[in-house]
Amino acid sequence: MTIALLFMLFLLVACGGVTAEEQASLAAKGYYTHLIKGEYELFLEGKQGAGQLPENYRSQLLDGYRQYVAQQETLHHGIREVRVATARRDTLANYTEVFLILCFGDSTNEEVVVPMEEHQGQWRMR
């Protein structure tokens, strides 16, 4: 899945016409898709600076992600889908806010804002 997502992002960029907002949106949606599939390490790798985290803190974050997904399963029958609502680029602060809609199993939705930064050609969550 990760390779397919990165390949799709590469194709979109290579073909031109893809905005920074679209690139950030695809990346944010991909990271949240990892989260709801239980791929917590891949979700964490999408965070800026994840490689420099102390192991103890990294472990705590992964536990928190597991607890969040389990809680949503109990409260809302899980998160079934992630959709991109919109994205807004702040050129002065050099980041893009991606608005995602989390679609739950009980038919409720929640909008989350994911600040994204481009670093060395890759979009990461702040």
PDB file of N, CA and C in Angstrom:
ATOM      1  N   MET A   1       0.829  -1.191   0.000  1.00  0.00           N
ATOM      2  CA  MET A   1       0.000   0.000   0.000  1.00  0.00           C
ATOM      3  C   MET A   1       0.875   1.256   0.000  1.00  0.00           C
ATOM      4  N   THR A   2       1.911   1.269   0.842  1.00  0.00           N
ATOM      5  CA  THR A   2       2.780   2.433   0.924  1.00  0.00           C
ATOM      6  C   THR A   2       3.479   2.671  -0.407  1.00  0.00           C
ATOM      7  N   ILE A   3       3.976   1.608  -1.002  1.00  0.00           N
ATOM      8  CA  ILE A   3       4.682   1.747  -2.268  1.00  0.00           C
ATOM      9  C   ILE A   3       3.731   2.245  -3.347  1.00  0.00           C
ATOM     10  N   ALA A   4       2.513   1.708  -3.350  1.00  0.00           N
ATOM     11  CA  ALA A   4       1.527   2.144  -4.347  1.00  0.00           C
ATOM     12  C   ALA A   4       1.187   3.611  -4.166  1.00  0.00           C
ATOM     13  N   LEU A   5       1.030   4.048  -2.916  1.00  0.00           N
ATOM     14  CA  LEU A   5       0.708   5.447  -2.642  1.00  0.00           C
ATOM     15  C   LEU A   5       1.850   6.360  -3.076  1.00  0.00           C
ATOM     16  N   LEU A   6       3.073   5.969  -2.747  1.00  0.00           N
ATOM     17  CA  LEU A   6       4.225   6.782  -3.141  1.00  0.00           C
ATOM     18  C   LEU A   6       4.377   6.814  -4.657  1.00  0.00           C
ATOM     19  N   PHE A   7       4.132   5.684  -5.323  1.00  0.00           N
ATOM     20  CA  PHE A   7       4.212   5.644  -6.775  1.00  0.00           C
ATOM     21  C   PHE A   7       3.156   6.551  -7.397  1.00  0.00           C
ATOM     22  N   MET A   8       1.934   6.501  -6.841  1.00  0.00           N
ATOM     23  CA  MET A   8       0.862   7.352  -7.357  1.00  0.00           C
ATOM     24  C   MET A   8       1.221   8.826  -7.174  1.00  0.00           C
ATOM     25  N   LEU A   9       1.768   9.163  -6.013  1.00  0.00           N
ATOM     26  CA  LEU A   9       2.181  10.538  -5.759  1.00  0.00           C
ATOM     27  C   LEU A   9       3.281  10.949  -6.741  1.00  0.00           C
ATOM     28  N   PHE A  10       4.232  10.052  -6.985  1.00  0.00           N
ATOM     29  CA  PHE A  10       5.304  10.332  -7.939  1.00  0.00           C
ATOM     30  C   PHE A  10       4.741  10.593  -9.332  1.00  0.00           C
ATOM     31  N   LEU A  11       3.805   9.753  -9.767  1.00  0.00           N
ATOM     32  CA  LEU A  11       3.208   9.935 -11.094  1.00  0.00           C
ATOM     33  C   LEU A  11       2.490  11.269 -11.207  1.00  0.00           C
ATOM     34  N   LEU A  12       1.760  11.627 -10.164  1.00  0.00           N
ATOM     35  CA  LEU A  12       1.038  12.893 -10.198  1.00  0.00           C
ATOM     36  C   LEU A  12       1.993  14.076 -10.298  1.00  0.00           C
ATOM     37  N   VAL A  13       3.071  14.017  -9.540  1.00  0.00           N
ATOM     38  CA  VAL A  13       4.050  15.100  -9.565  1.00  0.00           C
ATOM     39  C   VAL A  13       4.763  15.128 -10.910  1.00  0.00           C
ATOM     40  N   ALA A  14       5.134  13.967 -11.417  1.00  0.00           N
ATOM     41  CA  ALA A  14       5.861  13.891 -12.681  1.00  0.00           C
ATOM     42  C   ALA A  14       5.024  14.403 -13.847  1.00  0.00           C
ATOM     43  N   CYS A  15       3.730  14.189 -13.790  1.00  0.00           N
ATOM     44  CA  CYS A  15       2.857  14.631 -14.877  1.00  0.00           C
ATOM     45  C   CYS A  15       2.579  16.127 -14.811  1.00  0.00           C
ATOM     46  N   GLY A  16       2.978  16.774 -13.756  1.00  0.00           N
ATOM     47  CA  GLY A  16       2.770  18.209 -13.613  1.00  0.00           C
ATOM     48  C   GLY A  16       1.328  18.548 -13.296  1.00  0.00           C
ATOM     49  N   GLY A  17       1.107  19.796 -12.973  1.00  0.00           N
ATOM     50  CA  GLY A  17      -0.242  20.248 -12.699  1.00  0.00           C
ATOM     51  C   GLY A  17      -0.750  19.891 -11.319  1.00  0.00           C
ATOM     52  N   VAL A  18       0.041  19.205 -10.529  1.00  0.00           N
ATOM     53  CA  VAL A  18      -0.382  18.834  -9.186  1.00  0.00           C
ATOM     54  C   VAL A  18       0.069  19.925  -8.228  1.00  0.00           C
ATOM     55  N   THR A  19      -0.864  20.435  -7.484  1.00  0.00           N
ATOM     56  CA  THR A  19      -0.551  21.516  -6.556  1.00  0.00           C
ATOM     57  C   THR A  19       0.042  20.966  -5.263  1.00  0.00           C
ATOM     58  N   ALA A  20       0.653  21.845  -4.509  1.00  0.00           N
ATOM     59  CA  ALA A  20       1.180  21.467  -3.199  1.00  0.00           C
ATOM     60  C   ALA A  20       0.058  20.980  -2.294  1.00  0.00           C
ATOM     61  N   GLU A  21      -1.105  21.604  -2.408  1.00  0.00           N
ATOM     62  CA  GLU A  21      -2.251  21.192  -1.602  1.00  0.00           C
ATOM     63  C   GLU A  21      -2.657  19.753  -1.915  1.00  0.00           C
ATOM     64  N   GLU A  22      -2.646  19.400  -3.203  1.00  0.00           N
ATOM     65  CA  GLU A  22      -3.009  18.032  -3.598  1.00  0.00           C
ATOM     66  C   GLU A  22      -1.970  17.020  -3.112  1.00  0.00           C
ATOM     67  N   GLN A  23      -0.704  17.380  -3.210  1.00  0.00           N
ATOM     68  CA  GLN A  23       0.356  16.490  -2.732  1.00  0.00           C
ATOM     69  C   GLN A  23       0.233  16.263  -1.228  1.00  0.00           C
ATOM     70  N   ALA A  24       0.053  17.346  -0.480  1.00  0.00           N
ATOM     71  CA  ALA A  24      -0.083  17.241   0.972  1.00  0.00           C
ATOM     72  C   ALA A  24      -1.324  16.436   1.341  1.00  0.00           C
ATOM     73  N   SER A  25      -2.409  16.631   0.599  1.00  0.00           N
ATOM     74  CA  SER A  25      -3.656  15.904   0.872  1.00  0.00           C
ATOM     75  C   SER A  25      -3.487  14.405   0.677  1.00  0.00           C
ATOM     76  N   LEU A  26      -2.831  14.019  -0.418  1.00  0.00           N
ATOM     77  CA  LEU A  26      -2.588  12.592  -0.666  1.00  0.00           C
ATOM     78  C   LEU A  26      -1.738  11.976   0.436  1.00  0.00           C
ATOM     79  N   ALA A  27      -0.710  12.692   0.854  1.00  0.00           N
ATOM     80  CA  ALA A  27       0.164  12.177   1.904  1.00  0.00           C
ATOM     81  C   ALA A  27      -0.590  12.046   3.224  1.00  0.00           C
ATOM     82  N   ALA A  28      -1.342  13.075   3.612  1.00  0.00           N
ATOM     83  CA  ALA A  28      -2.088  13.031   4.874  1.00  0.00           C
ATOM     84  C   ALA A  28      -3.099  11.892   4.866  1.00  0.00           C
ATOM     85  N   LYS A  29      -3.822  11.752   3.773  1.00  0.00           N
ATOM     86  CA  LYS A  29      -4.801  10.665   3.669  1.00  0.00           C
ATOM     87  C   LYS A  29      -4.096   9.312   3.778  1.00  0.00           C
ATOM     88  N   GLY A  30      -2.954   9.183   3.144  1.00  0.00           N
ATOM     89  CA  GLY A  30      -2.190   7.938   3.219  1.00  0.00           C
ATOM     90  C   GLY A  30      -1.763   7.605   4.635  1.00  0.00           C
ATOM     91  N   TYR A  31      -1.273   8.605   5.363  1.00  0.00           N
ATOM     92  CA  TYR A  31      -0.850   8.364   6.743  1.00  0.00           C
ATOM     93  C   TYR A  31      -2.029   7.939   7.613  1.00  0.00           C
ATOM     94  N   TYR A  32      -3.158   8.613   7.465  1.00  0.00           N
ATOM     95  CA  TYR A  32      -4.328   8.257   8.267  1.00  0.00           C
ATOM     96  C   TYR A  32      -4.904   6.907   7.852  1.00  0.00           C
ATOM     97  N   THR A  33      -4.741   6.532   6.604  1.00  0.00           N
ATOM     98  CA  THR A  33      -5.156   5.198   6.173  1.00  0.00           C
ATOM     99  C   THR A  33      -4.303   4.146   6.868  1.00  0.00           C
ATOM    100  N   HIS A  34      -3.011   4.414   7.014  1.00  0.00           N
ATOM    101  CA  HIS A  34      -2.151   3.508   7.785  1.00  0.00           C
ATOM    102  C   HIS A  34      -2.659   3.391   9.220  1.00  0.00           C
ATOM    103  N   LEU A  35      -3.034   4.503   9.811  1.00  0.00           N
ATOM    104  CA  LEU A  35      -3.511   4.488  11.194  1.00  0.00           C
ATOM    105  C   LEU A  35      -4.723   3.580  11.345  1.00  0.00           C
ATOM    106  N   ILE A  36      -5.722   3.747  10.486  1.00  0.00           N
ATOM    107  CA  ILE A  36      -6.952   2.968  10.666  1.00  0.00           C
ATOM    108  C   ILE A  36      -6.769   1.498  10.291  1.00  0.00           C
ATOM    109  N   LYS A  37      -5.710   1.184   9.543  1.00  0.00           N
ATOM    110  CA  LYS A  37      -5.422  -0.214   9.218  1.00  0.00           C
ATOM    111  C   LYS A  37      -4.559  -0.879  10.290  1.00  0.00           C
ATOM    112  N   GLY A  38      -4.212  -0.125  11.330  1.00  0.00           N
ATOM    113  CA  GLY A  38      -3.386  -0.688  12.389  1.00  0.00           C
ATOM    114  C   GLY A  38      -1.903  -0.670  12.074  1.00  0.00           C
ATOM    115  N   GLU A  39      -1.508   0.060  11.069  1.00  0.00           N
ATOM    116  CA  GLU A  39      -0.098   0.175  10.680  1.00  0.00           C
ATOM    117  C   GLU A  39       0.495   1.396  11.383  1.00  0.00           C
ATOM    118  N   TYR A  40       0.628   1.278  12.702  1.00  0.00           N
ATOM    119  CA  TYR A  40       0.979   2.423  13.543  1.00  0.00           C
ATOM    120  C   TYR A  40       2.386   2.938  13.289  1.00  0.00           C
ATOM    121  N   GLU A  41       3.325   2.034  13.011  1.00  0.00           N
ATOM    122  CA  GLU A  41       4.701   2.458  12.716  1.00  0.00           C
ATOM    123  C   GLU A  41       4.732   3.345  11.471  1.00  0.00           C
ATOM    124  N   LEU A  42       3.969   2.955  10.448  1.00  0.00           N
ATOM    125  CA  LEU A  42       3.945   3.742   9.210  1.00  0.00           C
ATOM    126  C   LEU A  42       3.286   5.100   9.438  1.00  0.00           C
ATOM    127  N   PHE A  43       2.264   5.136  10.289  1.00  0.00           N
ATOM    128  CA  PHE A  43       1.643   6.413  10.635  1.00  0.00           C
ATOM    129  C   PHE A  43       2.662   7.304  11.338  1.00  0.00           C
ATOM    130  N   LEU A  44       3.376   6.747  12.301  1.00  0.00           N
ATOM    131  CA  LEU A  44       4.372   7.521  13.043  1.00  0.00           C
ATOM    132  C   LEU A  44       5.489   8.006  12.126  1.00  0.00           C
ATOM    133  N   GLU A  45       5.897   7.198  11.166  1.00  0.00           N
ATOM    134  CA  GLU A  45       6.947   7.608  10.233  1.00  0.00           C
ATOM    135  C   GLU A  45       6.523   8.809   9.393  1.00  0.00           C
ATOM    136  N   GLY A  46       5.227   9.064   9.318  1.00  0.00           N
ATOM    137  CA  GLY A  46       4.732  10.220   8.591  1.00  0.00           C
ATOM    138  C   GLY A  46       4.867  11.524   9.350  1.00  0.00           C
ATOM    139  N   LYS A  47       5.298  11.455  10.599  1.00  0.00           N
ATOM    140  CA  LYS A  47       5.476  12.660  11.406  1.00  0.00           C
ATOM    141  C   LYS A  47       6.880  13.219  11.213  1.00  0.00           C
ATOM    142  N   GLN A  48       6.949  14.528  11.086  1.00  0.00           N
ATOM    143  CA  GLN A  48       8.233  15.218  10.967  1.00  0.00           C
ATOM    144  C   GLN A  48       9.077  14.904  12.200  1.00  0.00           C
ATOM    145  N   GLY A  49      10.314  14.471  12.004  1.00  0.00           N
ATOM    146  CA  GLY A  49      11.223  14.211  13.113  1.00  0.00           C
ATOM    147  C   GLY A  49      11.033  12.875  13.796  1.00  0.00           C
ATOM    148  N   ALA A  50      10.237  11.984  13.229  1.00  0.00           N
ATOM    149  CA  ALA A  50       9.965  10.691  13.868  1.00  0.00           C
ATOM    150  C   ALA A  50      11.238   9.868  14.052  1.00  0.00           C
ATOM    151  N   GLY A  51      12.188  10.030  13.170  1.00  0.00           N
ATOM    152  CA  GLY A  51      13.424   9.265  13.252  1.00  0.00           C
ATOM    153  C   GLY A  51      14.313   9.640  14.425  1.00  0.00           C
ATOM    154  N   GLN A  52      14.102  10.809  15.005  1.00  0.00           N
ATOM    155  CA  GLN A  52      14.937  11.262  16.121  1.00  0.00           C
ATOM    156  C   GLN A  52      14.270  11.077  17.485  1.00  0.00           C
ATOM    157  N   LEU A  53      13.133  10.424  17.532  1.00  0.00           N
ATOM    158  CA  LEU A  53      12.426  10.270  18.802  1.00  0.00           C
ATOM    159  C   LEU A  53      13.116   9.240  19.693  1.00  0.00           C
ATOM    160  N   PRO A  54      13.211   9.519  21.003  1.00  0.00           N
ATOM    161  CA  PRO A  54      13.720   8.494  21.919  1.00  0.00           C
ATOM    162  C   PRO A  54      12.790   7.275  21.890  1.00  0.00           C
ATOM    163  N   GLU A  55      13.359   6.094  22.042  1.00  0.00           N
ATOM    164  CA  GLU A  55      12.589   4.851  21.920  1.00  0.00           C
ATOM    165  C   GLU A  55      11.420   4.792  22.905  1.00  0.00           C
ATOM    166  N   ASN A  56      11.622   5.279  24.123  1.00  0.00           N
ATOM    167  CA  ASN A  56      10.554   5.256  25.120  1.00  0.00           C
ATOM    168  C   ASN A  56       9.366   6.116  24.672  1.00  0.00           C
ATOM    169  N   TYR A  57       9.657   7.306  24.160  1.00  0.00           N
ATOM    170  CA  TYR A  57       8.590   8.198  23.698  1.00  0.00           C
ATOM    171  C   TYR A  57       7.903   7.619  22.467  1.00  0.00           C
ATOM    172  N   ARG A  58       8.699   7.044  21.580  1.00  0.00           N
ATOM    173  CA  ARG A  58       8.156   6.411  20.374  1.00  0.00           C
ATOM    174  C   ARG A  58       7.168   5.304  20.758  1.00  0.00           C
ATOM    175  N   SER A  59       7.552   4.500  21.725  1.00  0.00           N
ATOM    176  CA  SER A  59       6.696   3.414  22.209  1.00  0.00           C
ATOM    177  C   SER A  59       5.393   3.957  22.801  1.00  0.00           C
ATOM    178  N   GLN A  60       5.489   5.056  23.539  1.00  0.00           N
ATOM    179  CA  GLN A  60       4.289   5.678  24.116  1.00  0.00           C
ATOM    180  C   GLN A  60       3.353   6.191  23.027  1.00  0.00           C
ATOM    181  N   LEU A  61       3.918   6.789  21.983  1.00  0.00           N
ATOM    182  CA  LEU A  61       3.090   7.270  20.872  1.00  0.00           C
ATOM    183  C   LEU A  61       2.369   6.109  20.190  1.00  0.00           C
ATOM    184  N   LEU A  62       3.089   5.029  19.937  1.00  0.00           N
ATOM    185  CA  LEU A  62       2.482   3.865  19.288  1.00  0.00           C
ATOM    186  C   LEU A  62       1.362   3.279  20.146  1.00  0.00           C
ATOM    187  N   ASP A  63       1.584   3.221  21.461  1.00  0.00           N
ATOM    188  CA  ASP A  63       0.525   2.753  22.371  1.00  0.00           C
ATOM    189  C   ASP A  63      -0.688   3.673  22.308  1.00  0.00           C
ATOM    190  N   GLY A  64      -0.445   4.979  22.243  1.00  0.00           N
ATOM    191  CA  GLY A  64      -1.541   5.946  22.146  1.00  0.00           C
ATOM    192  C   GLY A  64      -2.346   5.768  20.869  1.00  0.00           C
ATOM    193  N   TYR A  65      -1.666   5.490  19.761  1.00  0.00           N
ATOM    194  CA  TYR A  65      -2.370   5.255  18.491  1.00  0.00           C
ATOM    195  C   TYR A  65      -3.243   4.007  18.587  1.00  0.00           C
ATOM    196  N   ARG A  66      -2.687   2.943  19.183  1.00  0.00           N
ATOM    197  CA  ARG A  66      -3.469   1.710  19.357  1.00  0.00           C
ATOM    198  C   ARG A  66      -4.712   1.973  20.207  1.00  0.00           C
ATOM    199  N   GLN A  67      -4.529   2.704  21.290  1.00  0.00           N
ATOM    200  CA  GLN A  67      -5.651   3.012  22.182  1.00  0.00           C
ATOM    201  C   GLN A  67      -6.701   3.856  21.472  1.00  0.00           C
ATOM    202  N   TYR A  68      -6.268   4.821  20.679  1.00  0.00           N
ATOM    203  CA  TYR A  68      -7.207   5.675  19.951  1.00  0.00           C
ATOM    204  C   TYR A  68      -8.058   4.849  18.988  1.00  0.00           C
ATOM    205  N   VAL A  69      -7.410   3.989  18.205  1.00  0.00           N
ATOM    206  CA  VAL A  69      -8.144   3.174  17.235  1.00  0.00           C
ATOM    207  C   VAL A  69      -9.097   2.222  17.959  1.00  0.00           C
ATOM    208  N   ALA A  70      -8.647   1.628  19.061  1.00  0.00           N
ATOM    209  CA  ALA A  70      -9.518   0.733  19.837  1.00  0.00           C
ATOM    210  C   ALA A  70     -10.706   1.500  20.415  1.00  0.00           C
ATOM    211  N   GLN A  71     -10.459   2.710  20.891  1.00  0.00           N
ATOM    212  CA  GLN A  71     -11.536   3.542  21.441  1.00  0.00           C
ATOM    213  C   GLN A  71     -12.569   3.870  20.365  1.00  0.00           C
ATOM    214  N   GLN A  72     -12.112   4.198  19.173  1.00  0.00           N
ATOM    215  CA  GLN A  72     -13.045   4.515  18.087  1.00  0.00           C
ATOM    216  C   GLN A  72     -13.846   3.280  17.673  1.00  0.00           C
ATOM    217  N   GLU A  73     -13.229   2.114  17.778  1.00  0.00           N
ATOM    218  CA  GLU A  73     -13.940   0.864  17.485  1.00  0.00           C
ATOM    219  C   GLU A  73     -15.083   0.680  18.483  1.00  0.00           C
ATOM    220  N   THR A  74     -14.811   0.949  19.752  1.00  0.00           N
ATOM    221  CA  THR A  74     -15.828   0.812  20.796  1.00  0.00           C
ATOM    222  C   THR A  74     -16.918   1.869  20.666  1.00  0.00           C
ATOM    223  N   LEU A  75     -16.523   3.107  20.446  1.00  0.00           N
ATOM    224  CA  LEU A  75     -17.490   4.210  20.424  1.00  0.00           C
ATOM    225  C   LEU A  75     -18.278   4.313  19.124  1.00  0.00           C
ATOM    226  N   HIS A  76     -17.616   4.060  18.000  1.00  0.00           N
ATOM    227  CA  HIS A  76     -18.230   4.344  16.694  1.00  0.00           C
ATOM    228  C   HIS A  76     -18.147   3.182  15.703  1.00  0.00           C
ATOM    229  N   HIS A  77     -17.846   1.982  16.190  1.00  0.00           N
ATOM    230  CA  HIS A  77     -17.669   0.821  15.303  1.00  0.00           C
ATOM    231  C   HIS A  77     -16.508   1.039  14.335  1.00  0.00           C
ATOM    232  N   GLY A  78     -15.513   1.764  14.787  1.00  0.00           N
ATOM    233  CA  GLY A  78     -14.287   1.955  14.025  1.00  0.00           C
ATOM    234  C   GLY A  78     -14.355   3.061  12.988  1.00  0.00           C
ATOM    235  N   ILE A  79     -13.185   3.379  12.469  1.00  0.00           N
ATOM    236  CA  ILE A  79     -13.071   4.349  11.379  1.00  0.00           C
ATOM    237  C   ILE A  79     -13.026   3.531  10.095  1.00  0.00           C
ATOM    238  N   ARG A  80     -13.964   3.764   9.220  1.00  0.00           N
ATOM    239  CA  ARG A  80     -14.093   2.955   8.003  1.00  0.00           C
ATOM    240  C   ARG A  80     -13.432   3.582   6.781  1.00  0.00           C
ATOM    241  N   GLU A  81     -13.320   4.907   6.790  1.00  0.00           N
ATOM    242  CA  GLU A  81     -12.798   5.575   5.594  1.00  0.00           C
ATOM    243  C   GLU A  81     -12.218   6.930   5.974  1.00  0.00           C
ATOM    244  N   VAL A  82     -11.236   7.356   5.202  1.00  0.00           N
ATOM    245  CA  VAL A  82     -10.648   8.689   5.344  1.00  0.00           C
ATOM    246  C   VAL A  82     -10.849   9.406   4.017  1.00  0.00           C
ATOM    247  N   ARG A  83     -11.427  10.601   4.078  1.00  0.00           N
ATOM    248  CA  ARG A  83     -11.645  11.409   2.867  1.00  0.00           C
ATOM    249  C   ARG A  83     -10.960  12.759   3.034  1.00  0.00           C
ATOM    250  N   VAL A  84     -10.542  13.317   1.931  1.00  0.00           N
ATOM    251  CA  VAL A  84      -9.984  14.670   1.939  1.00  0.00           C
ATOM    252  C   VAL A  84     -11.126  15.642   1.700  1.00  0.00           C
ATOM    253  N   ALA A  85     -11.283  16.607   2.606  1.00  0.00           N
ATOM    254  CA  ALA A  85     -12.302  17.648   2.427  1.00  0.00           C
ATOM    255  C   ALA A  85     -11.718  18.795   1.607  1.00  0.00           C
ATOM    256  N   THR A  86     -10.602  19.319   2.067  1.00  0.00           N
ATOM    257  CA  THR A  86      -9.944  20.432   1.382  1.00  0.00           C
ATOM    258  C   THR A  86      -8.546  20.597   1.965  1.00  0.00           C
ATOM    259  N   ALA A  87      -7.785  21.493   1.392  1.00  0.00           N
ATOM    260  CA  ALA A  87      -6.456  21.823   1.909  1.00  0.00           C
ATOM    261  C   ALA A  87      -6.208  23.301   1.665  1.00  0.00           C
ATOM    262  N   ARG A  88      -5.457  23.889   2.571  1.00  0.00           N
ATOM    263  CA  ARG A  88      -5.172  25.324   2.474  1.00  0.00           C
ATOM    264  C   ARG A  88      -3.687  25.536   2.759  1.00  0.00           C
ATOM    265  N   ARG A  89      -3.001  26.171   1.832  1.00  0.00           N
ATOM    266  CA  ARG A  89      -1.557  26.398   1.964  1.00  0.00           C
ATOM    267  C   ARG A  89      -1.289  27.767   2.560  1.00  0.00           C
ATOM    268  N   ASP A  90      -0.404  27.799   3.531  1.00  0.00           N
ATOM    269  CA  ASP A  90       0.065  29.047   4.121  1.00  0.00           C
ATOM    270  C   ASP A  90       1.500  29.239   3.640  1.00  0.00           C
ATOM    271  N   THR A  91       1.670  30.080   2.643  1.00  0.00           N
ATOM    272  CA  THR A  91       2.991  30.246   2.041  1.00  0.00           C
ATOM    273  C   THR A  91       3.955  30.996   2.953  1.00  0.00           C
ATOM    274  N   LEU A  92       3.447  31.841   3.833  1.00  0.00           N
ATOM    275  CA  LEU A  92       4.328  32.557   4.758  1.00  0.00           C
ATOM    276  C   LEU A  92       4.895  31.625   5.817  1.00  0.00           C
ATOM    277  N   ALA A  93       4.053  30.774   6.375  1.00  0.00           N
ATOM    278  CA  ALA A  93       4.501  29.839   7.406  1.00  0.00           C
ATOM    279  C   ALA A  93       5.064  28.553   6.794  1.00  0.00           C
ATOM    280  N   ASN A  94       4.917  28.393   5.490  1.00  0.00           N
ATOM    281  CA  ASN A  94       5.454  27.260   4.739  1.00  0.00           C
ATOM    282  C   ASN A  94       4.914  25.904   5.210  1.00  0.00           C
ATOM    283  N   TYR A  95       3.610  25.798   5.326  1.00  0.00           N
ATOM    284  CA  TYR A  95       2.970  24.520   5.604  1.00  0.00           C
ATOM    285  C   TYR A  95       1.582  24.524   4.979  1.00  0.00           C
ATOM    286  N   THR A  96       0.984  23.357   4.917  1.00  0.00           N
ATOM    287  CA  THR A  96      -0.348  23.195   4.348  1.00  0.00           C
ATOM    288  C   THR A  96      -1.235  22.509   5.370  1.00  0.00           C
ATOM    289  N   GLU A  97      -2.409  23.071   5.590  1.00  0.00           N
ATOM    290  CA  GLU A  97      -3.397  22.428   6.460  1.00  0.00           C
ATOM    291  C   GLU A  97      -4.292  21.557   5.591  1.00  0.00           C
ATOM    292  N   VAL A  98      -4.341  20.274   5.899  1.00  0.00           N
ATOM    293  CA  VAL A  98      -5.205  19.344   5.178  1.00  0.00           C
ATOM    294  C   VAL A  98      -6.382  19.009   6.085  1.00  0.00           C
ATOM    295  N   PHE A  99      -7.575  19.174   5.566  1.00  0.00           N
ATOM    296  CA  PHE A  99      -8.796  18.868   6.309  1.00  0.00           C
ATOM    297  C   PHE A  99      -9.282  17.496   5.860  1.00  0.00           C
ATOM    298  N   LEU A 100      -9.224  16.538   6.777  1.00  0.00           N
ATOM    299  CA  LEU A 100      -9.658  15.174   6.493  1.00  0.00           C
ATOM    300  C   LEU A 100     -10.984  14.905   7.186  1.00  0.00           C
ATOM    301  N   ILE A 101     -11.790  14.060   6.584  1.00  0.00           N
ATOM    302  CA  ILE A 101     -13.032  13.611   7.208  1.00  0.00           C
ATOM    303  C   ILE A 101     -12.854  12.139   7.551  1.00  0.00           C
ATOM    304  N   LEU A 102     -12.981  11.826   8.848  1.00  0.00           N
ATOM    305  CA  LEU A 102     -12.945  10.444   9.300  1.00  0.00           C
ATOM    306  C   LEU A 102     -14.380   9.941   9.314  1.00  0.00           C
ATOM    307  N   CYS A 103     -14.646   8.887   8.564  1.00  0.00           N
ATOM    308  CA  CYS A 103     -15.992   8.322   8.446  1.00  0.00           C
ATOM    309  C   CYS A 103     -16.060   7.076   9.324  1.00  0.00           C
ATOM    310  N   PHE A 104     -16.925   7.108  10.323  1.00  0.00           N
ATOM    311  CA  PHE A 104     -17.024   6.032  11.299  1.00  0.00           C
ATOM    312  C   PHE A 104     -18.060   4.993  10.896  1.00  0.00           C
ATOM    313  N   GLY A 105     -17.943   3.820  11.500  1.00  0.00           N
ATOM    314  CA  GLY A 105     -18.851   2.718  11.212  1.00  0.00           C
ATOM    315  C   GLY A 105     -20.286   2.962  11.617  1.00  0.00           C
ATOM    316  N   ASP A 106     -20.515   3.898  12.542  1.00  0.00           N
ATOM    317  CA  ASP A 106     -21.892   4.210  12.959  1.00  0.00           C
ATOM    318  C   ASP A 106     -22.482   5.346  12.129  1.00  0.00           C
ATOM    319  N   SER A 107     -21.874   5.669  11.025  1.00  0.00           N
ATOM    320  CA  SER A 107     -22.284   6.686  10.042  1.00  0.00           C
ATOM    321  C   SER A 107     -22.062   8.123  10.496  1.00  0.00           C
ATOM    322  N   THR A 108     -21.323   8.327  11.580  1.00  0.00           N
ATOM    323  CA  THR A 108     -20.953   9.690  11.953  1.00  0.00           C
ATOM    324  C   THR A 108     -19.623  10.034  11.291  1.00  0.00           C
ATOM    325  N   ASN A 109     -19.344  11.321  11.203  1.00  0.00           N
ATOM    326  CA  ASN A 109     -18.107  11.818  10.603  1.00  0.00           C
ATOM    327  C   ASN A 109     -17.453  12.809  11.550  1.00  0.00           C
ATOM    328  N   GLU A 110     -16.157  12.927  11.426  1.00  0.00           N
ATOM    329  CA  GLU A 110     -15.401  13.906  12.205  1.00  0.00           C
ATOM    330  C   GLU A 110     -14.355  14.518  11.291  1.00  0.00           C
ATOM    331  N   GLU A 111     -14.235  15.837  11.338  1.00  0.00           N
ATOM    332  CA  GLU A 111     -13.219  16.510  10.540  1.00  0.00           C
ATOM    333  C   GLU A 111     -12.000  16.773  11.409  1.00  0.00           C
ATOM    334  N   VAL A 112     -10.838  16.435  10.892  1.00  0.00           N
ATOM    335  CA  VAL A 112      -9.584  16.713  11.584  1.00  0.00           C
ATOM    336  C   VAL A 112      -8.705  17.557  10.665  1.00  0.00           C
ATOM    337  N   VAL A 113      -7.901  18.404  11.269  1.00  0.00           N
ATOM    338  CA  VAL A 113      -6.972  19.249  10.518  1.00  0.00           C
ATOM    339  C   VAL A 113      -5.573  18.689  10.738  1.00  0.00           C
ATOM    340  N   VAL A 114      -4.886  18.425   9.650  1.00  0.00           N
ATOM    341  CA  VAL A 114      -3.546  17.854   9.712  1.00  0.00           C
ATOM    342  C   VAL A 114      -2.570  18.847   9.093  1.00  0.00           C
ATOM    343  N   PRO A 115      -1.742  19.505   9.913  1.00  0.00           N
ATOM    344  CA  PRO A 115      -0.732  20.401   9.347  1.00  0.00           C
ATOM    345  C   PRO A 115       0.382  19.567   8.706  1.00  0.00           C
ATOM    346  N   MET A 116       0.713  19.892   7.467  1.00  0.00           N
ATOM    347  CA  MET A 116       1.704  19.136   6.703  1.00  0.00           C
ATOM    348  C   MET A 116       2.830  20.063   6.259  1.00  0.00           C
ATOM    349  N   GLU A 117       4.061  19.544   6.312  1.00  0.00           N
ATOM    350  CA  GLU A 117       5.240  20.272   5.847  1.00  0.00           C
ATOM    351  C   GLU A 117       5.956  19.441   4.797  1.00  0.00           C
ATOM    352  N   GLU A 118       6.496  20.120   3.805  1.00  0.00           N
ATOM    353  CA  GLU A 118       7.319  19.423   2.825  1.00  0.00           C
ATOM    354  C   GLU A 118       8.769  19.526   3.274  1.00  0.00           C
ATOM    355  N   HIS A 119       9.430  18.382   3.360  1.00  0.00           N
ATOM    356  CA  HIS A 119      10.828  18.344   3.783  1.00  0.00           C
ATOM    357  C   HIS A 119      11.578  17.398   2.850  1.00  0.00           C
ATOM    358  N   GLN A 120      12.528  17.932   2.103  1.00  0.00           N
ATOM    359  CA  GLN A 120      13.337  17.166   1.152  1.00  0.00           C
ATOM    360  C   GLN A 120      12.456  16.365   0.191  1.00  0.00           C
ATOM    361  N   GLY A 121      11.411  17.014  -0.299  1.00  0.00           N
ATOM    362  CA  GLY A 121      10.540  16.401  -1.292  1.00  0.00           C
ATOM    363  C   GLY A 121       9.475  15.469  -0.756  1.00  0.00           C
ATOM    364  N   GLN A 122       9.405  15.308   0.556  1.00  0.00           N
ATOM    365  CA  GLN A 122       8.394  14.435   1.157  1.00  0.00           C
ATOM    366  C   GLN A 122       7.504  15.243   2.083  1.00  0.00           C
ATOM    367  N   TRP A 123       6.222  14.953   2.036  1.00  0.00           N
ATOM    368  CA  TRP A 123       5.267  15.622   2.914  1.00  0.00           C
ATOM    369  C   TRP A 123       5.150  14.847   4.217  1.00  0.00           C
ATOM    370  N   ARG A 124       5.286  15.570   5.323  1.00  0.00           N
ATOM    371  CA  ARG A 124       5.227  14.976   6.662  1.00  0.00           C
ATOM    372  C   ARG A 124       4.236  15.751   7.519  1.00  0.00           C
ATOM    373  N   MET A 125       3.662  15.049   8.489  1.00  0.00           N
ATOM    374  CA  MET A 125       2.770  15.703   9.450  1.00  0.00           C
ATOM    375  C   MET A 125       3.616  16.458  10.462  1.00  0.00           C
ATOM    376  N   ARG A 126       3.142  17.635  10.837  1.00  0.00           N
ATOM    377  CA  ARG A 126       3.835  18.413  11.870  1.00  0.00           C
ATOM    378  C   ARG A 126       3.622  17.793  13.214  1.00  0.00           C
TER     379      ARG A 126
END
